[in-house]
Amino acid sequence: MAVLRESPWYQEIEQRGIQQGARRQLIRVLQQRFGEIPHEVEARLEGESVEKLESLMDSAIAVSSLEEFLTIISA
């Protein structure tokens, strides 16, 4: 099993899972705070790095409106 975990293929899949989890959590926070989130926002978050998604999570918690969050992800 250790050999498998060291393989680039496994590491890529693991990283992708972490990234998707971070994206889902960010979308959930946005939905809880602001209601329905436009599909364009969800699509915009696709492919962002875990670090970027974590930073955006901080922003999602701090902003007072979805519009304010949109200005952050558009920058």
PDB file of N, CA and C in Angstrom:
ATOM      1  N   MET A   1       0.832  -1.204   0.000  1.00  0.00           N
ATOM      2  CA  MET A   1       0.000   0.000   0.000  1.00  0.00           C
ATOM      3  C   MET A   1       0.868   1.256   0.000  1.00  0.00           C
ATOM      4  N   ALA A   2       2.018   1.215   0.683  1.00  0.00           N
ATOM      5  CA  ALA A   2       2.897   2.383   0.743  1.00  0.00           C
ATOM      6  C   ALA A   2       3.410   2.751  -0.643  1.00  0.00           C
ATOM      7  N   VAL A   3       3.680   1.744  -1.457  1.00  0.00           N
ATOM      8  CA  VAL A   3       4.159   2.005  -2.817  1.00  0.00           C
ATOM      9  C   VAL A   3       3.080   2.725  -3.616  1.00  0.00           C
ATOM     10  N   LEU A   4       1.849   2.291  -3.432  1.00  0.00           N
ATOM     11  CA  LEU A   4       0.739   2.926  -4.135  1.00  0.00           C
ATOM     12  C   LEU A   4       0.610   4.393  -3.736  1.00  0.00           C
ATOM     13  N   ARG A   5       0.701   4.671  -2.458  1.00  0.00           N
ATOM     14  CA  ARG A   5       0.571   6.049  -1.981  1.00  0.00           C
ATOM     15  C   ARG A   5       1.680   6.957  -2.504  1.00  0.00           C
ATOM     16  N   GLU A   6       2.809   6.392  -2.828  1.00  0.00           N
ATOM     17  CA  GLU A   6       3.925   7.178  -3.341  1.00  0.00           C
ATOM     18  C   GLU A   6       3.822   7.451  -4.837  1.00  0.00           C
ATOM     19  N   SER A   7       2.922   6.764  -5.511  1.00  0.00           N
ATOM     20  CA  SER A   7       2.826   6.927  -6.964  1.00  0.00           C
ATOM     21  C   SER A   7       2.213   8.285  -7.308  1.00  0.00           C
ATOM     22  N   PRO A   8       2.707   8.917  -8.374  1.00  0.00           N
ATOM     23  CA  PRO A   8       2.146  10.204  -8.800  1.00  0.00           C
ATOM     24  C   PRO A   8       0.655  10.105  -9.124  1.00  0.00           C
ATOM     25  N   TRP A   9       0.229   8.986  -9.678  1.00  0.00           N
ATOM     26  CA  TRP A   9      -1.176   8.774 -10.013  1.00  0.00           C
ATOM     27  C   TRP A   9      -2.037   8.855  -8.763  1.00  0.00           C
ATOM     28  N   TYR A  10      -1.651   8.152  -7.713  1.00  0.00           N
ATOM     29  CA  TYR A  10      -2.397   8.157  -6.456  1.00  0.00           C
ATOM     30  C   TYR A  10      -2.415   9.556  -5.852  1.00  0.00           C
ATOM     31  N   GLN A  11      -1.272  10.201  -5.854  1.00  0.00           N
ATOM     32  CA  GLN A  11      -1.182  11.540  -5.274  1.00  0.00           C
ATOM     33  C   GLN A  11      -2.060  12.529  -6.023  1.00  0.00           C
ATOM     34  N   GLU A  12      -2.131  12.398  -7.340  1.00  0.00           N
ATOM     35  CA  GLU A  12      -2.984  13.288  -8.126  1.00  0.00           C
ATOM     36  C   GLU A  12      -4.457  13.070  -7.795  1.00  0.00           C
ATOM     37  N   ILE A  13      -4.857  11.814  -7.676  1.00  0.00           N
ATOM     38  CA  ILE A  13      -6.251  11.510  -7.334  1.00  0.00           C
ATOM     39  C   ILE A  13      -6.572  12.007  -5.934  1.00  0.00           C
ATOM     40  N   GLU A  14      -5.652  11.818  -5.010  1.00  0.00           N
ATOM     41  CA  GLU A  14      -5.862  12.291  -3.647  1.00  0.00           C
ATOM     42  C   GLU A  14      -5.994  13.814  -3.613  1.00  0.00           C
ATOM     43  N   GLN A  15      -5.128  14.507  -4.324  1.00  0.00           N
ATOM     44  CA  GLN A  15      -5.172  15.972  -4.374  1.00  0.00           C
ATOM     45  C   GLN A  15      -6.472  16.458  -5.003  1.00  0.00           C
ATOM     46  N   ARG A  16      -6.905  15.773  -6.054  1.00  0.00           N
ATOM     47  CA  ARG A  16      -8.154  16.146  -6.719  1.00  0.00           C
ATOM     48  C   ARG A  16      -9.338  15.977  -5.767  1.00  0.00           C
ATOM     49  N   GLY A  17      -9.321  14.926  -4.950  1.00  0.00           N
ATOM     50  CA  GLY A  17     -10.381  14.714  -3.974  1.00  0.00           C
ATOM     51  C   GLY A  17     -10.406  15.811  -2.919  1.00  0.00           C
ATOM     52  N   ILE A  18      -9.236  16.217  -2.466  1.00  0.00           N
ATOM     53  CA  ILE A  18      -9.148  17.302  -1.490  1.00  0.00           C
ATOM     54  C   ILE A  18      -9.670  18.591  -2.107  1.00  0.00           C
ATOM     55  N   GLN A  19      -9.289  18.834  -3.351  1.00  0.00           N
ATOM     56  CA  GLN A  19      -9.733  20.037  -4.060  1.00  0.00           C
ATOM     57  C   GLN A  19     -11.249  20.051  -4.215  1.00  0.00           C
ATOM     58  N   GLN A  20     -11.834  18.934  -4.618  1.00  0.00           N
ATOM     59  CA  GLN A  20     -13.289  18.866  -4.794  1.00  0.00           C
ATOM     60  C   GLN A  20     -14.007  19.050  -3.463  1.00  0.00           C
ATOM     61  N   GLY A  21     -13.436  18.495  -2.387  1.00  0.00           N
ATOM     62  CA  GLY A  21     -14.029  18.664  -1.071  1.00  0.00           C
ATOM     63  C   GLY A  21     -14.011  20.119  -0.630  1.00  0.00           C
ATOM     64  N   ALA A  22     -12.902  20.799  -0.874  1.00  0.00           N
ATOM     65  CA  ALA A  22     -12.794  22.219  -0.512  1.00  0.00           C
ATOM     66  C   ALA A  22     -13.793  23.044  -1.318  1.00  0.00           C
ATOM     67  N   ARG A  23     -13.953  22.717  -2.585  1.00  0.00           N
ATOM     68  CA  ARG A  23     -14.907  23.428  -3.443  1.00  0.00           C
ATOM     69  C   ARG A  23     -16.339  23.226  -2.950  1.00  0.00           C
ATOM     70  N   ARG A  24     -16.674  21.974  -2.626  1.00  0.00           N
ATOM     71  CA  ARG A  24     -18.022  21.687  -2.117  1.00  0.00           C
ATOM     72  C   ARG A  24     -18.298  22.439  -0.821  1.00  0.00           C
ATOM     73  N   GLN A  25     -17.314  22.496   0.062  1.00  0.00           N
ATOM     74  CA  GLN A  25     -17.503  23.200   1.329  1.00  0.00           C
ATOM     75  C   GLN A  25     -17.699  24.698   1.109  1.00  0.00           C
ATOM     76  N   LEU A  26     -16.936  25.270   0.197  1.00  0.00           N
ATOM     77  CA  LEU A  26     -17.083  26.687  -0.113  1.00  0.00           C
ATOM     78  C   LEU A  26     -18.483  26.971  -0.663  1.00  0.00           C
ATOM     79  N   ILE A  27     -18.932  26.153  -1.578  1.00  0.00           N
ATOM     80  CA  ILE A  27     -20.274  26.329  -2.149  1.00  0.00           C
ATOM     81  C   ILE A  27     -21.333  26.183  -1.063  1.00  0.00           C
ATOM     82  N   ARG A  28     -21.135  25.242  -0.179  1.00  0.00           N
ATOM     83  CA  ARG A  28     -22.094  25.052   0.913  1.00  0.00           C
ATOM     84  C   ARG A  28     -22.165  26.292   1.811  1.00  0.00           C
ATOM     85  N   VAL A  29     -21.018  26.860   2.152  1.00  0.00           N
ATOM     86  CA  VAL A  29     -21.001  28.073   2.976  1.00  0.00           C
ATOM     87  C   VAL A  29     -21.721  29.204   2.252  1.00  0.00           C
ATOM     88  N   LEU A  30     -21.445  29.362   0.966  1.00  0.00           N
ATOM     89  CA  LEU A  30     -22.111  30.414   0.189  1.00  0.00           C
ATOM     90  C   LEU A  30     -23.626  30.196   0.168  1.00  0.00           C
ATOM     91  N   GLN A  31     -24.048  28.956  -0.013  1.00  0.00           N
ATOM     92  CA  GLN A  31     -25.481  28.664  -0.038  1.00  0.00           C
ATOM     93  C   GLN A  31     -26.121  28.939   1.318  1.00  0.00           C
ATOM     94  N   GLN A  32     -25.460  28.563   2.380  1.00  0.00           N
ATOM     95  CA  GLN A  32     -25.994  28.804   3.719  1.00  0.00           C
ATOM     96  C   GLN A  32     -26.128  30.295   4.006  1.00  0.00           C
ATOM     97  N   ARG A  33     -25.162  31.069   3.541  1.00  0.00           N
ATOM     98  CA  ARG A  33     -25.172  32.504   3.813  1.00  0.00           C
ATOM     99  C   ARG A  33     -26.093  33.281   2.889  1.00  0.00           C
ATOM    100  N   PHE A  34     -26.117  32.905   1.590  1.00  0.00           N
ATOM    101  CA  PHE A  34     -26.769  33.762   0.596  1.00  0.00           C
ATOM    102  C   PHE A  34     -27.870  33.077  -0.217  1.00  0.00           C
ATOM    103  N   GLY A  35     -28.192  31.834   0.087  1.00  0.00           N
ATOM    104  CA  GLY A  35     -29.230  31.134  -0.671  1.00  0.00           C
ATOM    105  C   GLY A  35     -28.666  30.496  -1.928  1.00  0.00           C
ATOM    106  N   GLU A  36     -29.497  30.384  -2.930  1.00  0.00           N
ATOM    107  CA  GLU A  36     -29.094  29.721  -4.171  1.00  0.00           C
ATOM    108  C   GLU A  36     -27.923  30.452  -4.829  1.00  0.00           C
ATOM    109  N   ILE A  37     -26.953  29.685  -5.261  1.00  0.00           N
ATOM    110  CA  ILE A  37     -25.744  30.227  -5.890  1.00  0.00           C
ATOM    111  C   ILE A  37     -25.842  29.975  -7.396  1.00  0.00           C
ATOM    112  N   PRO A  38     -25.632  31.011  -8.209  1.00  0.00           N
ATOM    113  CA  PRO A  38     -25.684  30.820  -9.665  1.00  0.00           C
ATOM    114  C   PRO A  38     -24.676  29.767 -10.131  1.00  0.00           C
ATOM    115  N   HIS A  39     -25.077  29.006 -11.124  1.00  0.00           N
ATOM    116  CA  HIS A  39     -24.200  27.968 -11.674  1.00  0.00           C
ATOM    117  C   HIS A  39     -22.861  28.542 -12.136  1.00  0.00           C
ATOM    118  N   GLU A  40     -22.884  29.773 -12.617  1.00  0.00           N
ATOM    119  CA  GLU A  40     -21.648  30.406 -13.090  1.00  0.00           C
ATOM    120  C   GLU A  40     -20.619  30.534 -11.963  1.00  0.00           C
ATOM    121  N   VAL A  41     -21.092  30.775 -10.750  1.00  0.00           N
ATOM    122  CA  VAL A  41     -20.182  30.883  -9.606  1.00  0.00           C
ATOM    123  C   VAL A  41     -19.551  29.526  -9.335  1.00  0.00           C
ATOM    124  N   GLU A  42     -20.384  28.483  -9.333  1.00  0.00           N
ATOM    125  CA  GLU A  42     -19.865  27.139  -9.111  1.00  0.00           C
ATOM    126  C   GLU A  42     -18.851  26.770 -10.197  1.00  0.00           C
ATOM    127  N   ALA A  43     -19.166  27.087 -11.435  1.00  0.00           N
ATOM    128  CA  ALA A  43     -18.261  26.775 -12.541  1.00  0.00           C
ATOM    129  C   ALA A  43     -16.954  27.554 -12.410  1.00  0.00           C
ATOM    130  N   ARG A  44     -17.032  28.779 -11.947  1.00  0.00           N
ATOM    131  CA  ARG A  44     -15.844  29.627 -11.784  1.00  0.00           C
ATOM    132  C   ARG A  44     -14.877  29.047 -10.749  1.00  0.00           C
ATOM    133  N   LEU A  45     -15.433  28.349  -9.762  1.00  0.00           N
ATOM    134  CA  LEU A  45     -14.608  27.767  -8.705  1.00  0.00           C
ATOM    135  C   LEU A  45     -13.958  26.457  -9.128  1.00  0.00           C
ATOM    136  N   GLU A  46     -14.443  25.873 -10.208  1.00  0.00           N
ATOM    137  CA  GLU A  46     -13.895  24.615 -10.710  1.00  0.00           C
ATOM    138  C   GLU A  46     -12.428  24.808 -11.099  1.00  0.00           C
ATOM    139  N   GLY A  47     -11.591  23.923 -10.654  1.00  0.00           N
ATOM    140  CA  GLY A  47     -10.186  23.960 -11.035  1.00  0.00           C
ATOM    141  C   GLY A  47      -9.313  24.866 -10.195  1.00  0.00           C
ATOM    142  N   GLU A  48      -9.895  25.611  -9.258  1.00  0.00           N
ATOM    143  CA  GLU A  48      -9.074  26.455  -8.381  1.00  0.00           C
ATOM    144  C   GLU A  48      -8.267  25.570  -7.438  1.00  0.00           C
ATOM    145  N   SER A  49      -7.107  26.029  -7.062  1.00  0.00           N
ATOM    146  CA  SER A  49      -6.262  25.268  -6.146  1.00  0.00           C
ATOM    147  C   SER A  49      -6.882  25.219  -4.757  1.00  0.00           C
ATOM    148  N   VAL A  50      -6.448  24.262  -3.972  1.00  0.00           N
ATOM    149  CA  VAL A  50      -6.936  24.144  -2.601  1.00  0.00           C
ATOM    150  C   VAL A  50      -6.613  25.420  -1.829  1.00  0.00           C
ATOM    151  N   GLU A  51      -5.433  25.947  -2.028  1.00  0.00           N
ATOM    152  CA  GLU A  51      -5.038  27.177  -1.333  1.00  0.00           C
ATOM    153  C   GLU A  51      -5.950  28.340  -1.691  1.00  0.00           C
ATOM    154  N   LYS A  52      -6.272  28.465  -2.966  1.00  0.00           N
ATOM    155  CA  LYS A  52      -7.167  29.528  -3.418  1.00  0.00           C
ATOM    156  C   LYS A  52      -8.569  29.334  -2.845  1.00  0.00           C
ATOM    157  N   LEU A  53      -9.054  28.095  -2.857  1.00  0.00           N
ATOM    158  CA  LEU A  53     -10.381  27.809  -2.311  1.00  0.00           C
ATOM    159  C   LEU A  53     -10.436  28.105  -0.818  1.00  0.00           C
ATOM    160  N   GLU A  54      -9.368  27.810  -0.106  1.00  0.00           N
ATOM    161  CA  GLU A  54      -9.322  28.123   1.326  1.00  0.00           C
ATOM    162  C   GLU A  54      -9.346  29.633   1.547  1.00  0.00           C
ATOM    163  N   SER A  55      -8.637  30.359   0.721  1.00  0.00           N
ATOM    164  CA  SER A  55      -8.649  31.816   0.816  1.00  0.00           C
ATOM    165  C   SER A  55     -10.047  32.365   0.513  1.00  0.00           C
ATOM    166  N   LEU A  56     -10.682  31.798  -0.499  1.00  0.00           N
ATOM    167  CA  LEU A  56     -12.036  32.219  -0.850  1.00  0.00           C
ATOM    168  C   LEU A  56     -13.036  31.856   0.251  1.00  0.00           C
ATOM    169  N   MET A  57     -12.778  30.762   0.968  1.00  0.00           N
ATOM    170  CA  MET A  57     -13.635  30.398   2.097  1.00  0.00           C
ATOM    171  C   MET A  57     -13.577  31.490   3.160  1.00  0.00           C
ATOM    172  N   ASP A  58     -12.375  31.975   3.439  1.00  0.00           N
ATOM    173  CA  ASP A  58     -12.231  33.076   4.394  1.00  0.00           C
ATOM    174  C   ASP A  58     -13.019  34.296   3.920  1.00  0.00           C
ATOM    175  N   SER A  59     -12.931  34.577   2.627  1.00  0.00           N
ATOM    176  CA  SER A  59     -13.666  35.715   2.066  1.00  0.00           C
ATOM    177  C   SER A  59     -15.171  35.498   2.149  1.00  0.00           C
ATOM    178  N   ALA A  60     -15.615  34.269   1.873  1.00  0.00           N
ATOM    179  CA  ALA A  60     -17.046  33.964   1.912  1.00  0.00           C
ATOM    180  C   ALA A  60     -17.617  34.179   3.307  1.00  0.00           C
ATOM    181  N   ILE A  61     -16.814  33.945   4.303  1.00  0.00           N
ATOM    182  CA  ILE A  61     -17.254  34.139   5.688  1.00  0.00           C
ATOM    183  C   ILE A  61     -17.281  35.624   6.046  1.00  0.00           C
ATOM    184  N   ALA A  62     -16.350  36.379   5.481  1.00  0.00           N
ATOM    185  CA  ALA A  62     -16.188  37.782   5.864  1.00  0.00           C
ATOM    186  C   ALA A  62     -17.104  38.749   5.113  1.00  0.00           C
ATOM    187  N   VAL A  63     -17.486  38.428   3.873  1.00  0.00           N
ATOM    188  CA  VAL A  63     -18.268  39.375   3.077  1.00  0.00           C
ATOM    189  C   VAL A  63     -19.707  39.451   3.572  1.00  0.00           C
ATOM    190  N   SER A  64     -20.381  40.529   3.185  1.00  0.00           N
ATOM    191  CA  SER A  64     -21.764  40.713   3.630  1.00  0.00           C
ATOM    192  C   SER A  64     -22.788  40.397   2.551  1.00  0.00           C
ATOM    193  N   SER A  65     -22.329  40.112   1.325  1.00  0.00           N
ATOM    194  CA  SER A  65     -23.278  39.788   0.256  1.00  0.00           C
ATOM    195  C   SER A  65     -22.607  38.912  -0.799  1.00  0.00           C
ATOM    196  N   LEU A  66     -23.427  38.234  -1.577  1.00  0.00           N
ATOM    197  CA  LEU A  66     -22.906  37.432  -2.682  1.00  0.00           C
ATOM    198  C   LEU A  66     -22.237  38.330  -3.712  1.00  0.00           C
ATOM    199  N   GLU A  67     -22.777  39.508  -3.922  1.00  0.00           N
ATOM    200  CA  GLU A  67     -22.193  40.443  -4.883  1.00  0.00           C
ATOM    201  C   GLU A  67     -20.769  40.828  -4.474  1.00  0.00           C
ATOM    202  N   GLU A  68     -20.579  41.025  -3.196  1.00  0.00           N
ATOM    203  CA  GLU A  68     -19.240  41.354  -2.704  1.00  0.00           C
ATOM    204  C   GLU A  68     -18.292  40.185  -2.943  1.00  0.00           C
ATOM    205  N   PHE A  69     -18.765  38.961  -2.716  1.00  0.00           N
ATOM    206  CA  PHE A  69     -17.940  37.772  -2.988  1.00  0.00           C
ATOM    207  C   PHE A  69     -17.606  37.684  -4.478  1.00  0.00           C
ATOM    208  N   LEU A  70     -18.579  37.999  -5.326  1.00  0.00           N
ATOM    209  CA  LEU A  70     -18.347  37.937  -6.775  1.00  0.00           C
ATOM    210  C   LEU A  70     -17.254  38.905  -7.217  1.00  0.00           C
ATOM    211  N   THR A  71     -17.166  40.056  -6.571  1.00  0.00           N
ATOM    212  CA  THR A  71     -16.103  40.998  -6.931  1.00  0.00           C
ATOM    213  C   THR A  71     -14.748  40.423  -6.545  1.00  0.00           C
ATOM    214  N   ILE A  72     -14.694  39.645  -5.501  1.00  0.00           N
ATOM    215  CA  ILE A  72     -13.429  39.038  -5.077  1.00  0.00           C
ATOM    216  C   ILE A  72     -12.993  37.965  -6.070  1.00  0.00           C
ATOM    217  N   ILE A  73     -13.913  37.099  -6.506  1.00  0.00           N
ATOM    218  CA  ILE A  73     -13.501  36.045  -7.426  1.00  0.00           C
ATOM    219  C   ILE A  73     -13.294  36.566  -8.839  1.00  0.00           C
ATOM    220  N   SER A  74     -13.794  37.755  -9.122  1.00  0.00           N
ATOM    221  CA  SER A  74     -13.594  38.340 -10.454  1.00  0.00           C
ATOM    222  C   SER A  74     -12.275  39.087 -10.551  1.00  0.00           C
ATOM    223  N   ALA A  75     -11.654  39.359  -9.421  1.00  0.00           N
ATOM    224  CA  ALA A  75     -10.402  40.136  -9.412  1.00  0.00           C
ATOM    225  C   ALA A  75      -9.230  39.325  -9.890  1.00  0.00           C
TER     226      ALA A  75
END
